[in-house]
Amino acid sequence: MKKAIKIILTTAILSFICSNAFAIGMRSTSDVKKSIDQTIEKLEKAVATFDKGTDQNAVVELLMEAKQVQKSISSSNATLSMIKSKATQKLGLARNSFNDGDLTGGGAAMKEALADFKKLKEKYNAVY
């Protein structure tokens, strides 16, 4: 009887510790949605700046801000993770293209990244 109580208490304590450690590591659904919205907002500003033909450095700065914000987007859903990964790759490609002076390639990659993050938002909202 005493041994069974020890086992139950130990199991309960370990379960509590593990669940809290997991919860600390994962972001809430509302935080992820907010990060997706912020990423889209930064990319929309970058596209608008690019389309105006103004400062290329401002476009690169907005791309870097979008890249930072998107880092906090996480999901255990494999499909969503793949969409985010592809969008992030296009975001990096856009920044590299702009830094290399390829405005056409950078603009195209940036617009593709924006479309992919919008797709991610749509799919994320459908799942969560």
N, C-alpha and C. Protein backbone atom coordinates (compact mmCIF):
# COMPACT_ATOMS: atom_id res chain seq x y z
N MET A 1 0.82 -1.19 0.00
CA MET A 1 0.00 0.00 0.00
C MET A 1 0.87 1.26 0.00
N LYS A 2 1.87 1.28 0.86
CA LYS A 2 2.76 2.42 0.95
C LYS A 2 3.56 2.61 -0.33
N LYS A 3 3.97 1.50 -0.91
CA LYS A 3 4.74 1.55 -2.16
C LYS A 3 3.87 2.08 -3.30
N ALA A 4 2.62 1.69 -3.35
CA ALA A 4 1.71 2.15 -4.39
C ALA A 4 1.48 3.66 -4.30
N ILE A 5 1.35 4.17 -3.09
CA ILE A 5 1.16 5.60 -2.89
C ILE A 5 2.39 6.37 -3.36
N LYS A 6 3.59 5.85 -3.06
CA LYS A 6 4.82 6.49 -3.51
C LYS A 6 4.89 6.54 -5.04
N ILE A 7 4.52 5.45 -5.67
CA ILE A 7 4.55 5.39 -7.14
C ILE A 7 3.55 6.39 -7.74
N ILE A 8 2.36 6.45 -7.17
CA ILE A 8 1.34 7.38 -7.67
C ILE A 8 1.79 8.82 -7.49
N LEU A 9 2.33 9.14 -6.32
CA LEU A 9 2.80 10.51 -6.07
C LEU A 9 3.97 10.87 -6.99
N THR A 10 4.90 9.96 -7.16
CA THR A 10 6.04 10.21 -8.04
C THR A 10 5.57 10.45 -9.47
N THR A 11 4.65 9.63 -9.93
CA THR A 11 4.11 9.78 -11.28
C THR A 11 3.39 11.12 -11.42
N ALA A 12 2.61 11.49 -10.44
CA ALA A 12 1.88 12.76 -10.49
C ALA A 12 2.84 13.95 -10.52
N ILE A 13 3.87 13.90 -9.70
CA ILE A 13 4.85 15.00 -9.66
C ILE A 13 5.60 15.10 -10.98
N LEU A 14 6.05 13.99 -11.51
CA LEU A 14 6.76 14.01 -12.79
C LEU A 14 5.86 14.49 -13.93
N SER A 15 4.62 14.08 -13.92
CA SER A 15 3.69 14.54 -14.96
C SER A 15 3.50 16.04 -14.88
N PHE A 16 3.38 16.56 -13.68
CA PHE A 16 3.21 18.01 -13.49
C PHE A 16 4.44 18.77 -13.99
N ILE A 17 5.62 18.29 -13.64
CA ILE A 17 6.87 18.94 -14.06
C ILE A 17 7.00 18.91 -15.58
N CYS A 18 6.75 17.78 -16.19
CA CYS A 18 6.87 17.66 -17.64
C CYS A 18 5.85 18.52 -18.37
N SER A 19 4.62 18.56 -17.88
CA SER A 19 3.60 19.36 -18.56
C SER A 19 3.93 20.85 -18.47
N ASN A 20 4.47 21.30 -17.36
CA ASN A 20 4.87 22.71 -17.23
C ASN A 20 6.06 23.03 -18.12
N ALA A 21 7.01 22.13 -18.21
CA ALA A 21 8.17 22.35 -19.08
C ALA A 21 7.72 22.43 -20.53
N PHE A 22 6.78 21.61 -20.92
CA PHE A 22 6.26 21.63 -22.28
C PHE A 22 5.51 22.94 -22.55
N ALA A 23 4.70 23.35 -21.59
CA ALA A 23 3.91 24.57 -21.76
C ALA A 23 4.80 25.80 -21.86
N ILE A 24 5.89 25.83 -21.13
CA ILE A 24 6.80 26.97 -21.18
C ILE A 24 7.45 27.06 -22.56
N GLY A 25 7.79 25.93 -23.16
CA GLY A 25 8.47 25.90 -24.45
C GLY A 25 7.57 26.23 -25.62
N MET A 26 6.29 26.00 -25.51
CA MET A 26 5.37 26.22 -26.62
C MET A 26 4.68 27.57 -26.47
N ARG A 27 4.47 28.24 -27.59
CA ARG A 27 3.76 29.51 -27.58
C ARG A 27 2.27 29.23 -27.72
N SER A 28 1.46 30.12 -27.17
CA SER A 28 0.02 29.95 -27.27
C SER A 28 -0.44 30.21 -28.71
N THR A 29 -1.62 29.72 -29.00
CA THR A 29 -2.19 29.89 -30.34
C THR A 29 -2.34 31.38 -30.67
N SER A 30 -2.77 32.17 -29.69
CA SER A 30 -2.95 33.60 -29.95
C SER A 30 -1.61 34.29 -30.21
N ASP A 31 -0.54 33.84 -29.53
CA ASP A 31 0.79 34.41 -29.78
C ASP A 31 1.27 34.07 -31.19
N VAL A 32 1.03 32.85 -31.62
CA VAL A 32 1.44 32.44 -32.96
C VAL A 32 0.65 33.22 -34.02
N LYS A 33 -0.65 33.36 -33.81
CA LYS A 33 -1.47 34.14 -34.75
C LYS A 33 -0.99 35.58 -34.83
N LYS A 34 -0.64 36.14 -33.69
CA LYS A 34 -0.13 37.51 -33.66
C LYS A 34 1.19 37.61 -34.43
N SER A 35 2.06 36.63 -34.27
CA SER A 35 3.33 36.63 -34.99
C SER A 35 3.12 36.50 -36.50
N ILE A 36 2.17 35.66 -36.90
CA ILE A 36 1.87 35.52 -38.33
C ILE A 36 1.36 36.85 -38.88
N ASP A 37 0.45 37.49 -38.14
CA ASP A 37 -0.09 38.79 -38.58
C ASP A 37 1.01 39.85 -38.68
N GLN A 38 1.91 39.87 -37.71
CA GLN A 38 3.00 40.85 -37.73
C GLN A 38 3.95 40.60 -38.89
N THR A 39 4.21 39.34 -39.18
CA THR A 39 5.08 39.01 -40.31
C THR A 39 4.44 39.48 -41.62
N ILE A 40 3.15 39.19 -41.78
CA ILE A 40 2.43 39.62 -42.98
C ILE A 40 2.44 41.15 -43.08
N GLU A 41 2.23 41.82 -41.97
CA GLU A 41 2.22 43.28 -41.95
C GLU A 41 3.58 43.83 -42.42
N LYS A 42 4.67 43.28 -41.91
CA LYS A 42 6.01 43.74 -42.31
C LYS A 42 6.24 43.49 -43.80
N LEU A 43 5.80 42.33 -44.28
CA LEU A 43 5.99 42.02 -45.70
C LEU A 43 5.13 42.91 -46.59
N GLU A 44 3.92 43.21 -46.16
CA GLU A 44 3.08 44.12 -46.94
C GLU A 44 3.70 45.51 -47.03
N LYS A 45 4.28 45.97 -45.93
CA LYS A 45 4.98 47.27 -45.94
C LYS A 45 6.19 47.22 -46.87
N ALA A 46 6.91 46.09 -46.85
CA ALA A 46 8.08 45.94 -47.71
C ALA A 46 7.67 45.95 -49.19
N VAL A 47 6.60 45.25 -49.52
CA VAL A 47 6.10 45.22 -50.91
C VAL A 47 5.65 46.61 -51.34
N ALA A 48 4.94 47.32 -50.47
CA ALA A 48 4.49 48.67 -50.80
C ALA A 48 5.67 49.60 -51.02
N THR A 49 6.69 49.48 -50.17
CA THR A 49 7.90 50.31 -50.32
C THR A 49 8.61 49.97 -51.62
N PHE A 50 8.69 48.69 -51.92
CA PHE A 50 9.33 48.24 -53.17
C PHE A 50 8.57 48.76 -54.39
N ASP A 51 7.25 48.64 -54.35
CA ASP A 51 6.42 49.06 -55.49
C ASP A 51 6.51 50.57 -55.73
N LYS A 52 6.74 51.34 -54.68
CA LYS A 52 6.90 52.79 -54.83
C LYS A 52 8.25 53.13 -55.47
N GLY A 53 9.17 52.17 -55.45
CA GLY A 53 10.49 52.40 -56.03
C GLY A 53 11.36 53.27 -55.15
N THR A 54 11.02 53.33 -53.88
CA THR A 54 11.82 54.15 -52.96
C THR A 54 13.01 53.37 -52.43
N ASP A 55 13.47 53.73 -51.30
CA ASP A 55 14.71 53.24 -50.69
C ASP A 55 14.77 51.72 -50.59
N GLN A 56 15.74 51.14 -51.29
CA GLN A 56 15.96 49.69 -51.25
C GLN A 56 16.38 49.25 -49.84
N ASN A 57 17.12 50.09 -49.14
CA ASN A 57 17.55 49.75 -47.78
C ASN A 57 16.36 49.62 -46.84
N ALA A 58 15.33 50.43 -47.06
CA ALA A 58 14.12 50.32 -46.25
C ALA A 58 13.43 48.98 -46.48
N VAL A 59 13.44 48.51 -47.72
CA VAL A 59 12.85 47.21 -48.05
C VAL A 59 13.62 46.10 -47.32
N VAL A 60 14.93 46.16 -47.39
CA VAL A 60 15.77 45.13 -46.74
C VAL A 60 15.55 45.16 -45.23
N GLU A 61 15.43 46.35 -44.66
CA GLU A 61 15.19 46.48 -43.22
C GLU A 61 13.86 45.84 -42.83
N LEU A 62 12.82 46.08 -43.62
CA LEU A 62 11.51 45.48 -43.34
C LEU A 62 11.56 43.96 -43.50
N LEU A 63 12.33 43.47 -44.47
CA LEU A 63 12.49 42.02 -44.64
C LEU A 63 13.18 41.42 -43.42
N MET A 64 14.18 42.13 -42.91
CA MET A 64 14.89 41.63 -41.72
C MET A 64 13.96 41.62 -40.50
N GLU A 65 13.11 42.63 -40.39
CA GLU A 65 12.14 42.66 -39.29
C GLU A 65 11.15 41.50 -39.42
N ALA A 66 10.69 41.25 -40.63
CA ALA A 66 9.77 40.13 -40.86
C ALA A 66 10.44 38.80 -40.51
N LYS A 67 11.71 38.68 -40.87
CA LYS A 67 12.45 37.45 -40.57
C LYS A 67 12.56 37.23 -39.07
N GLN A 68 12.76 38.31 -38.32
CA GLN A 68 12.85 38.19 -36.86
C GLN A 68 11.50 37.78 -36.26
N VAL A 69 10.43 38.42 -36.71
CA VAL A 69 9.10 38.13 -36.16
C VAL A 69 8.69 36.70 -36.45
N GLN A 70 8.98 36.20 -37.66
CA GLN A 70 8.52 34.86 -38.04
C GLN A 70 9.20 33.76 -37.23
N LYS A 71 10.29 34.06 -36.57
CA LYS A 71 10.99 33.04 -35.77
C LYS A 71 10.13 32.50 -34.64
N SER A 72 9.17 33.29 -34.19
CA SER A 72 8.33 32.84 -33.08
C SER A 72 7.08 32.08 -33.54
N ILE A 73 6.96 31.84 -34.83
CA ILE A 73 5.84 31.06 -35.36
C ILE A 73 6.22 29.58 -35.25
N SER A 74 5.41 28.84 -34.49
CA SER A 74 5.70 27.42 -34.35
C SER A 74 4.40 26.62 -34.36
N SER A 75 4.53 25.40 -34.84
CA SER A 75 3.38 24.50 -34.88
C SER A 75 3.88 23.06 -34.91
N SER A 76 3.14 22.19 -34.27
CA SER A 76 3.48 20.77 -34.32
C SER A 76 2.87 20.10 -35.55
N ASN A 77 2.06 20.84 -36.30
CA ASN A 77 1.44 20.33 -37.52
C ASN A 77 2.46 20.34 -38.66
N ALA A 78 2.72 19.19 -39.24
CA ALA A 78 3.75 19.06 -40.28
C ALA A 78 3.45 19.91 -41.51
N THR A 79 2.21 19.96 -41.92
CA THR A 79 1.84 20.75 -43.11
C THR A 79 2.13 22.23 -42.87
N LEU A 80 1.74 22.72 -41.71
CA LEU A 80 1.99 24.13 -41.39
C LEU A 80 3.49 24.42 -41.29
N SER A 81 4.23 23.49 -40.73
CA SER A 81 5.68 23.67 -40.62
C SER A 81 6.34 23.74 -41.99
N MET A 82 5.85 22.94 -42.93
CA MET A 82 6.40 22.96 -44.29
C MET A 82 6.09 24.29 -44.99
N ILE A 83 4.87 24.79 -44.82
CA ILE A 83 4.50 26.06 -45.43
C ILE A 83 5.37 27.18 -44.85
N LYS A 84 5.55 27.16 -43.53
CA LYS A 84 6.38 28.19 -42.89
C LYS A 84 7.82 28.09 -43.37
N SER A 85 8.33 26.89 -43.48
CA SER A 85 9.72 26.69 -43.93
C SER A 85 9.93 27.25 -45.34
N LYS A 86 9.02 26.95 -46.24
CA LYS A 86 9.13 27.46 -47.62
C LYS A 86 9.02 28.98 -47.65
N ALA A 87 8.11 29.53 -46.87
CA ALA A 87 7.95 30.98 -46.83
C ALA A 87 9.20 31.65 -46.27
N THR A 88 9.78 31.05 -45.25
CA THR A 88 11.00 31.59 -44.64
C THR A 88 12.17 31.53 -45.62
N GLN A 89 12.26 30.45 -46.39
CA GLN A 89 13.31 30.35 -47.40
C GLN A 89 13.17 31.44 -48.45
N LYS A 90 11.94 31.70 -48.88
CA LYS A 90 11.71 32.76 -49.88
C LYS A 90 12.01 34.13 -49.29
N LEU A 91 11.73 34.30 -48.02
CA LEU A 91 12.05 35.55 -47.35
C LEU A 91 13.56 35.78 -47.33
N GLY A 92 14.31 34.74 -47.02
CA GLY A 92 15.77 34.84 -47.05
C GLY A 92 16.31 35.08 -48.45
N LEU A 93 15.71 34.40 -49.42
CA LEU A 93 16.12 34.59 -50.81
C LEU A 93 15.87 36.03 -51.26
N ALA A 94 14.74 36.59 -50.86
CA ALA A 94 14.43 37.98 -51.21
C ALA A 94 15.48 38.93 -50.64
N ARG A 95 15.79 38.74 -49.38
CA ARG A 95 16.79 39.62 -48.75
C ARG A 95 18.14 39.50 -49.42
N ASN A 96 18.56 38.26 -49.70
CA ASN A 96 19.84 38.05 -50.36
C ASN A 96 19.85 38.67 -51.76
N SER A 97 18.74 38.54 -52.48
CA SER A 97 18.65 39.12 -53.83
C SER A 97 18.78 40.63 -53.77
N PHE A 98 18.08 41.25 -52.83
CA PHE A 98 18.17 42.71 -52.70
C PHE A 98 19.60 43.12 -52.33
N ASN A 99 20.22 42.38 -51.43
CA ASN A 99 21.59 42.70 -51.03
C ASN A 99 22.57 42.55 -52.19
N ASP A 100 22.26 41.63 -53.11
CA ASP A 100 23.12 41.41 -54.29
C ASP A 100 22.78 42.35 -55.45
N GLY A 101 21.77 43.21 -55.25
CA GLY A 101 21.39 44.16 -56.30
C GLY A 101 20.38 43.63 -57.30
N ASP A 102 19.86 42.43 -57.08
CA ASP A 102 18.86 41.84 -57.98
C ASP A 102 17.47 42.25 -57.51
N LEU A 103 17.03 43.42 -57.95
CA LEU A 103 15.75 43.95 -57.50
C LEU A 103 14.57 43.14 -58.02
N THR A 104 14.67 42.69 -59.27
CA THR A 104 13.58 41.91 -59.86
C THR A 104 13.40 40.59 -59.11
N GLY A 105 14.49 39.87 -58.90
CA GLY A 105 14.44 38.59 -58.18
C GLY A 105 14.01 38.77 -56.74
N GLY A 106 14.52 39.83 -56.11
CA GLY A 106 14.16 40.11 -54.72
C GLY A 106 12.70 40.44 -54.58
N GLY A 107 12.20 41.26 -55.50
CA GLY A 107 10.78 41.62 -55.46
C GLY A 107 9.87 40.42 -55.65
N ALA A 108 10.25 39.57 -56.59
CA ALA A 108 9.44 38.37 -56.86
C ALA A 108 9.44 37.43 -55.65
N ALA A 109 10.62 37.18 -55.07
CA ALA A 109 10.73 36.29 -53.91
C ALA A 109 9.98 36.86 -52.71
N MET A 110 10.05 38.17 -52.53
CA MET A 110 9.36 38.82 -51.43
C MET A 110 7.84 38.66 -51.57
N LYS A 111 7.33 38.83 -52.78
CA LYS A 111 5.89 38.68 -53.01
C LYS A 111 5.45 37.22 -52.84
N GLU A 112 6.31 36.28 -53.23
CA GLU A 112 6.01 34.86 -53.02
C GLU A 112 5.99 34.54 -51.52
N ALA A 113 6.95 35.12 -50.78
CA ALA A 113 6.99 34.90 -49.33
C ALA A 113 5.71 35.44 -48.68
N LEU A 114 5.28 36.62 -49.11
CA LEU A 114 4.05 37.20 -48.58
C LEU A 114 2.86 36.29 -48.86
N ALA A 115 2.76 35.79 -50.09
CA ALA A 115 1.67 34.87 -50.44
C ALA A 115 1.71 33.60 -49.59
N ASP A 116 2.92 33.10 -49.34
CA ASP A 116 3.05 31.88 -48.53
C ASP A 116 2.67 32.13 -47.07
N PHE A 117 3.05 33.29 -46.52
CA PHE A 117 2.66 33.59 -45.14
C PHE A 117 1.16 33.81 -45.03
N LYS A 118 0.54 34.35 -46.05
CA LYS A 118 -0.92 34.48 -46.06
C LYS A 118 -1.58 33.10 -46.11
N LYS A 119 -0.98 32.20 -46.89
CA LYS A 119 -1.47 30.82 -46.96
C LYS A 119 -1.30 30.16 -45.59
N LEU A 120 -0.17 30.39 -44.95
CA LEU A 120 0.07 29.84 -43.61
C LEU A 120 -0.99 30.34 -42.64
N LYS A 121 -1.31 31.62 -42.70
CA LYS A 121 -2.33 32.19 -41.81
C LYS A 121 -3.68 31.50 -42.03
N GLU A 122 -4.03 31.33 -43.30
CA GLU A 122 -5.31 30.69 -43.64
C GLU A 122 -5.36 29.25 -43.10
N LYS A 123 -4.30 28.51 -43.33
CA LYS A 123 -4.26 27.10 -42.89
C LYS A 123 -4.20 27.02 -41.36
N TYR A 124 -3.42 27.91 -40.74
CA TYR A 124 -3.30 27.90 -39.28
C TYR A 124 -4.65 28.19 -38.64
N ASN A 125 -5.36 29.17 -39.18
CA ASN A 125 -6.68 29.50 -38.64
C ASN A 125 -7.66 28.35 -38.83
N ALA A 126 -7.51 27.58 -39.89
CA ALA A 126 -8.40 26.43 -40.13
C ALA A 126 -8.12 25.30 -39.13
N VAL A 127 -6.84 25.14 -38.76
CA VAL A 127 -6.46 24.06 -37.83
C VAL A 127 -6.72 24.46 -36.38
N TYR A 128 -6.40 25.71 -36.05
CA TYR A 128 -6.53 26.16 -34.66
C TYR A 128 -7.62 27.18 -34.55
